Amino acid sequence: MKSIWIFLILIIIFCFGVNVSNAEAKRKSFSPQFISFHGKFFTGIQDPEFIDYDLTLRNYLTKRIIKRFGFILDPKTYSGFDLLEIESLFKCKKSAEPFEIFLKMFPKTP
C-alpha cells in the first residue's frame, strides 16, 4: 500500500515539474523575427532566405552576448553558428580567463 502512495506522489511531482518547465518555455520565446524562419528549408548557403536567417541570427546573438557577458563582437566577423558556439564556450569560461582565448578557435570571415 505504501508503494502506491509513493508512486502517486512521484507522478504528482513529475506533473508539477512538467507544468513549470512549460511555463518557463513559453516565457522565453524567440523574437518574432525568428518565427518567420520556423520550419523553412534552405537550398544552400547561397539561398537568399538563408542569408537573411544568418544575418538575423548574427544580430540576435551578438546582442545577447553583449547583454550577458559584456563582450562586444562584430556580427559581420563570425557566422551565426560560430556565434552559437562562442556563446556556449563563454558560458563555460572561468572568470579569470580572457575571452580572446576562445575566439582564436574560430576563423574570422570578412
N, C-alpha and C. Protein backbone atom coordinates (compact mmCIF):
# COMPACT_ATOMS: atom_id res chain seq x y z
N MET A 1 0.82 -1.19 0.00
CA MET A 1 0.00 0.00 0.00
C MET A 1 0.87 1.26 0.00
N LYS A 2 2.00 1.18 0.72
CA LYS A 2 2.90 2.34 0.75
C LYS A 2 3.50 2.62 -0.62
N SER A 3 3.77 1.57 -1.38
CA SER A 3 4.37 1.76 -2.69
C SER A 3 3.41 2.48 -3.63
N ILE A 4 2.12 2.29 -3.48
CA ILE A 4 1.14 3.00 -4.31
C ILE A 4 1.16 4.48 -3.98
N TRP A 5 1.25 4.82 -2.71
CA TRP A 5 1.30 6.24 -2.30
C TRP A 5 2.59 6.90 -2.79
N ILE A 6 3.68 6.20 -2.70
CA ILE A 6 4.96 6.75 -3.17
C ILE A 6 4.89 6.96 -4.67
N PHE A 7 4.34 6.01 -5.40
CA PHE A 7 4.18 6.13 -6.85
C PHE A 7 3.28 7.31 -7.20
N LEU A 8 2.20 7.48 -6.48
CA LEU A 8 1.27 8.59 -6.70
C LEU A 8 1.94 9.94 -6.43
N ILE A 9 2.73 10.03 -5.40
CA ILE A 9 3.45 11.27 -5.08
C ILE A 9 4.48 11.58 -6.16
N LEU A 10 5.17 10.58 -6.66
CA LEU A 10 6.14 10.79 -7.73
C LEU A 10 5.46 11.27 -9.00
N ILE A 11 4.31 10.75 -9.32
CA ILE A 11 3.57 11.20 -10.51
C ILE A 11 3.13 12.65 -10.34
N ILE A 12 2.68 13.02 -9.17
CA ILE A 12 2.26 14.41 -8.92
C ILE A 12 3.46 15.35 -9.05
N ILE A 13 4.59 14.97 -8.50
CA ILE A 13 5.79 15.80 -8.61
C ILE A 13 6.23 15.93 -10.06
N PHE A 14 6.16 14.85 -10.81
CA PHE A 14 6.51 14.88 -12.22
C PHE A 14 5.59 15.82 -13.00
N CYS A 15 4.29 15.71 -12.76
CA CYS A 15 3.33 16.58 -13.47
C CYS A 15 3.57 18.05 -13.12
N PHE A 16 3.86 18.33 -11.87
CA PHE A 16 4.14 19.70 -11.46
C PHE A 16 5.41 20.21 -12.16
N GLY A 17 6.43 19.39 -12.25
CA GLY A 17 7.67 19.79 -12.93
C GLY A 17 7.46 20.05 -14.41
N VAL A 18 6.64 19.25 -15.06
CA VAL A 18 6.37 19.44 -16.48
C VAL A 18 5.62 20.76 -16.68
N ASN A 19 4.66 21.06 -15.82
CA ASN A 19 3.92 22.31 -15.94
C ASN A 19 4.81 23.52 -15.73
N VAL A 20 5.72 23.46 -14.79
CA VAL A 20 6.64 24.57 -14.54
C VAL A 20 7.58 24.76 -15.72
N SER A 21 8.09 23.68 -16.28
CA SER A 21 9.00 23.81 -17.41
C SER A 21 8.29 24.34 -18.64
N ASN A 22 7.02 23.98 -18.84
CA ASN A 22 6.25 24.53 -19.96
C ASN A 22 6.03 26.02 -19.80
N ALA A 23 5.77 26.46 -18.58
CA ALA A 23 5.56 27.88 -18.33
C ALA A 23 6.85 28.66 -18.60
N GLU A 24 7.99 28.10 -18.23
CA GLU A 24 9.27 28.76 -18.49
C GLU A 24 9.55 28.83 -19.98
N ALA A 25 9.23 27.77 -20.70
CA ALA A 25 9.48 27.75 -22.15
C ALA A 25 8.61 28.78 -22.86
N LYS A 26 7.39 28.95 -22.42
CA LYS A 26 6.51 29.93 -23.05
C LYS A 26 6.99 31.35 -22.76
N ARG A 27 7.54 31.56 -21.58
CA ARG A 27 8.00 32.89 -21.21
C ARG A 27 9.25 33.28 -22.00
N LYS A 28 10.10 32.32 -22.32
CA LYS A 28 11.35 32.59 -23.03
C LYS A 28 11.20 32.24 -24.50
N SER A 29 10.30 32.88 -25.18
CA SER A 29 10.11 32.59 -26.59
C SER A 29 11.05 33.43 -27.43
N PHE A 30 11.26 32.99 -28.66
CA PHE A 30 12.11 33.73 -29.58
C PHE A 30 11.41 34.99 -30.05
N SER A 31 12.20 35.88 -30.57
CA SER A 31 11.64 37.11 -31.09
C SER A 31 10.86 36.82 -32.37
N PRO A 32 9.96 37.70 -32.77
CA PRO A 32 9.15 37.46 -33.97
C PRO A 32 9.98 37.31 -35.24
N GLN A 33 11.17 37.87 -35.27
CA GLN A 33 11.99 37.75 -36.47
C GLN A 33 12.43 36.31 -36.71
N PHE A 34 12.57 35.49 -35.64
CA PHE A 34 12.93 34.09 -35.81
C PHE A 34 11.73 33.23 -36.18
N ILE A 35 10.56 33.64 -35.76
CA ILE A 35 9.36 32.85 -36.05
C ILE A 35 9.10 32.80 -37.55
N SER A 36 9.49 33.84 -38.26
CA SER A 36 9.27 33.84 -39.71
C SER A 36 10.11 32.78 -40.43
N PHE A 37 11.18 32.28 -39.80
CA PHE A 37 12.02 31.25 -40.40
C PHE A 37 11.67 29.85 -39.91
N HIS A 38 10.68 29.74 -39.06
CA HIS A 38 10.32 28.46 -38.45
C HIS A 38 9.83 27.47 -39.51
N GLY A 39 10.46 26.31 -39.58
CA GLY A 39 10.04 25.24 -40.46
C GLY A 39 10.49 25.38 -41.90
N LYS A 40 11.32 26.36 -42.19
CA LYS A 40 11.77 26.53 -43.57
C LYS A 40 13.01 25.69 -43.84
N PHE A 41 13.11 25.24 -45.07
CA PHE A 41 14.29 24.53 -45.53
C PHE A 41 15.01 25.43 -46.52
N PHE A 42 16.33 25.40 -46.44
CA PHE A 42 17.14 26.23 -47.33
C PHE A 42 17.87 25.33 -48.32
N THR A 43 18.02 25.81 -49.55
CA THR A 43 18.68 25.01 -50.58
C THR A 43 20.19 25.01 -50.42
N GLY A 44 20.73 25.99 -49.74
CA GLY A 44 22.18 26.07 -49.54
C GLY A 44 22.54 27.39 -48.89
N ILE A 45 23.84 27.61 -48.76
CA ILE A 45 24.27 28.84 -48.10
C ILE A 45 24.13 30.06 -48.99
N GLN A 46 23.89 29.86 -50.26
CA GLN A 46 23.68 30.98 -51.19
C GLN A 46 22.20 31.36 -51.31
N ASP A 47 21.33 30.60 -50.67
CA ASP A 47 19.89 30.88 -50.70
C ASP A 47 19.64 32.23 -50.03
N PRO A 48 18.90 33.14 -50.67
CA PRO A 48 18.65 34.46 -50.08
C PRO A 48 17.95 34.40 -48.73
N GLU A 49 17.06 33.41 -48.54
CA GLU A 49 16.39 33.29 -47.25
C GLU A 49 17.36 32.83 -46.17
N PHE A 50 18.32 31.96 -46.53
CA PHE A 50 19.32 31.54 -45.56
C PHE A 50 20.22 32.71 -45.17
N ILE A 51 20.54 33.55 -46.12
CA ILE A 51 21.37 34.72 -45.83
C ILE A 51 20.63 35.65 -44.87
N ASP A 52 19.33 35.84 -45.07
CA ASP A 52 18.53 36.65 -44.15
C ASP A 52 18.48 36.01 -42.76
N TYR A 53 18.30 34.68 -42.73
CA TYR A 53 18.27 33.97 -41.46
C TYR A 53 19.60 34.11 -40.71
N ASP A 54 20.69 33.93 -41.42
CA ASP A 54 22.01 34.01 -40.80
C ASP A 54 22.27 35.42 -40.27
N LEU A 55 21.88 36.43 -41.02
CA LEU A 55 22.06 37.81 -40.57
C LEU A 55 21.22 38.09 -39.33
N THR A 56 19.99 37.61 -39.32
CA THR A 56 19.12 37.78 -38.15
C THR A 56 19.71 37.07 -36.94
N LEU A 57 20.20 35.85 -37.14
CA LEU A 57 20.81 35.08 -36.06
C LEU A 57 22.06 35.78 -35.54
N ARG A 58 22.89 36.30 -36.42
CA ARG A 58 24.10 37.01 -36.00
C ARG A 58 23.77 38.22 -35.14
N ASN A 59 22.83 39.03 -35.59
CA ASN A 59 22.46 40.23 -34.83
C ASN A 59 21.88 39.88 -33.47
N TYR A 60 21.01 38.87 -33.44
CA TYR A 60 20.40 38.45 -32.19
C TYR A 60 21.45 37.94 -31.20
N LEU A 61 22.37 37.11 -31.69
CA LEU A 61 23.37 36.52 -30.80
C LEU A 61 24.39 37.54 -30.32
N THR A 62 24.78 38.48 -31.17
CA THR A 62 25.73 39.49 -30.70
C THR A 62 25.10 40.36 -29.62
N LYS A 63 23.83 40.69 -29.77
CA LYS A 63 23.15 41.46 -28.72
C LYS A 63 23.05 40.66 -27.44
N ARG A 64 22.76 39.36 -27.56
CA ARG A 64 22.65 38.52 -26.37
C ARG A 64 24.00 38.34 -25.68
N ILE A 65 25.08 38.22 -26.45
CA ILE A 65 26.42 38.09 -25.85
C ILE A 65 26.81 39.38 -25.15
N ILE A 66 26.51 40.51 -25.76
CA ILE A 66 26.81 41.80 -25.12
C ILE A 66 26.02 41.93 -23.82
N LYS A 67 24.76 41.56 -23.84
CA LYS A 67 23.91 41.68 -22.66
C LYS A 67 24.36 40.74 -21.54
N ARG A 68 24.70 39.51 -21.91
CA ARG A 68 25.01 38.50 -20.90
C ARG A 68 26.45 38.58 -20.40
N PHE A 69 27.41 38.84 -21.31
CA PHE A 69 28.81 38.78 -20.94
C PHE A 69 29.52 40.13 -21.00
N GLY A 70 28.93 41.12 -21.64
CA GLY A 70 29.55 42.42 -21.75
C GLY A 70 30.71 42.46 -22.73
N PHE A 71 30.77 41.51 -23.62
CA PHE A 71 31.85 41.43 -24.61
C PHE A 71 31.27 41.75 -25.98
N ILE A 72 31.88 42.68 -26.68
CA ILE A 72 31.35 43.14 -27.96
C ILE A 72 31.99 42.35 -29.10
N LEU A 73 31.14 41.76 -29.93
CA LEU A 73 31.57 41.04 -31.12
C LEU A 73 30.92 41.68 -32.33
N ASP A 74 31.65 41.68 -33.44
CA ASP A 74 31.11 42.21 -34.68
C ASP A 74 30.31 41.12 -35.37
N PRO A 75 29.02 41.36 -35.68
CA PRO A 75 28.22 40.30 -36.31
C PRO A 75 28.68 39.95 -37.72
N LYS A 76 29.47 40.80 -38.36
CA LYS A 76 29.94 40.51 -39.71
C LYS A 76 31.17 39.61 -39.70
N THR A 77 31.80 39.48 -38.55
CA THR A 77 33.05 38.73 -38.46
C THR A 77 32.84 37.22 -38.36
N TYR A 78 31.80 36.79 -37.66
CA TYR A 78 31.57 35.37 -37.42
C TYR A 78 30.22 34.97 -37.99
N SER A 79 30.08 33.68 -38.34
CA SER A 79 28.78 33.19 -38.82
C SER A 79 27.85 33.01 -37.62
N GLY A 80 26.58 32.81 -37.91
CA GLY A 80 25.61 32.61 -36.83
C GLY A 80 25.90 31.38 -36.01
N PHE A 81 26.32 30.30 -36.68
CA PHE A 81 26.61 29.07 -35.96
C PHE A 81 27.90 29.18 -35.14
N ASP A 82 28.87 29.95 -35.64
CA ASP A 82 30.07 30.21 -34.84
C ASP A 82 29.72 31.00 -33.59
N LEU A 83 28.82 31.95 -33.72
CA LEU A 83 28.40 32.74 -32.56
C LEU A 83 27.68 31.88 -31.53
N LEU A 84 26.92 30.88 -31.98
CA LEU A 84 26.28 29.95 -31.04
C LEU A 84 27.34 29.18 -30.25
N GLU A 85 28.38 28.72 -30.94
CA GLU A 85 29.45 28.00 -30.27
C GLU A 85 30.24 28.92 -29.33
N ILE A 86 30.49 30.13 -29.78
CA ILE A 86 31.22 31.09 -28.95
C ILE A 86 30.44 31.37 -27.66
N GLU A 87 29.14 31.55 -27.79
CA GLU A 87 28.33 31.81 -26.61
C GLU A 87 28.37 30.64 -25.64
N SER A 88 28.32 29.42 -26.15
CA SER A 88 28.37 28.26 -25.27
C SER A 88 29.73 28.13 -24.59
N LEU A 89 30.79 28.51 -25.29
CA LEU A 89 32.12 28.48 -24.66
C LEU A 89 32.24 29.58 -23.60
N PHE A 90 31.64 30.73 -23.85
CA PHE A 90 31.68 31.81 -22.86
C PHE A 90 30.94 31.41 -21.58
N LYS A 91 29.92 30.58 -21.72
CA LYS A 91 29.19 30.10 -20.54
C LYS A 91 30.07 29.21 -19.67
N CYS A 92 30.99 28.48 -20.30
CA CYS A 92 31.87 27.57 -19.57
C CYS A 92 33.17 28.22 -19.12
N LYS A 93 33.38 29.45 -19.49
CA LYS A 93 34.63 30.15 -19.22
C LYS A 93 34.78 30.43 -17.72
N LYS A 94 36.01 30.28 -17.25
CA LYS A 94 36.31 30.66 -15.87
C LYS A 94 36.42 32.17 -15.79
N SER A 95 36.20 32.73 -14.63
CA SER A 95 36.19 34.18 -14.50
C SER A 95 37.55 34.81 -14.79
N ALA A 96 38.64 34.09 -14.56
CA ALA A 96 39.97 34.65 -14.77
C ALA A 96 40.44 34.53 -16.22
N GLU A 97 39.75 33.75 -17.03
CA GLU A 97 40.18 33.54 -18.42
C GLU A 97 39.72 34.69 -19.30
N PRO A 98 40.58 35.13 -20.21
CA PRO A 98 40.15 36.18 -21.14
C PRO A 98 39.30 35.58 -22.27
N PHE A 99 38.45 36.42 -22.85
CA PHE A 99 37.57 35.98 -23.92
C PHE A 99 38.35 35.65 -25.19
N GLU A 100 39.48 36.30 -25.40
CA GLU A 100 40.24 36.13 -26.64
C GLU A 100 40.74 34.71 -26.85
N ILE A 101 40.95 33.98 -25.76
CA ILE A 101 41.42 32.59 -25.88
C ILE A 101 40.41 31.77 -26.69
N PHE A 102 39.14 31.99 -26.45
CA PHE A 102 38.11 31.23 -27.13
C PHE A 102 37.91 31.70 -28.57
N LEU A 103 38.16 32.96 -28.82
CA LEU A 103 37.96 33.50 -30.17
C LEU A 103 39.03 33.03 -31.15
N LYS A 104 40.18 32.57 -30.64
CA LYS A 104 41.23 32.07 -31.52
C LYS A 104 40.83 30.79 -32.24
N MET A 105 39.86 30.08 -31.70
CA MET A 105 39.42 28.82 -32.29
C MET A 105 38.56 29.02 -33.54
N PHE A 106 38.05 30.21 -33.75
CA PHE A 106 37.11 30.46 -34.84
C PHE A 106 37.73 31.37 -35.88
N PRO A 107 37.74 30.94 -37.13
CA PRO A 107 38.29 31.79 -38.18
C PRO A 107 37.36 32.97 -38.45
N LYS A 108 37.95 34.11 -38.68
CA LYS A 108 37.17 35.30 -38.97
C LYS A 108 36.87 35.34 -40.46
N THR A 109 35.62 35.64 -40.79
CA THR A 109 35.23 35.77 -42.19
C THR A 109 34.88 37.22 -42.46
N PRO A 110 35.46 37.81 -43.49
CA PRO A 110 35.18 39.23 -43.76
C PRO A 110 33.81 39.46 -44.33
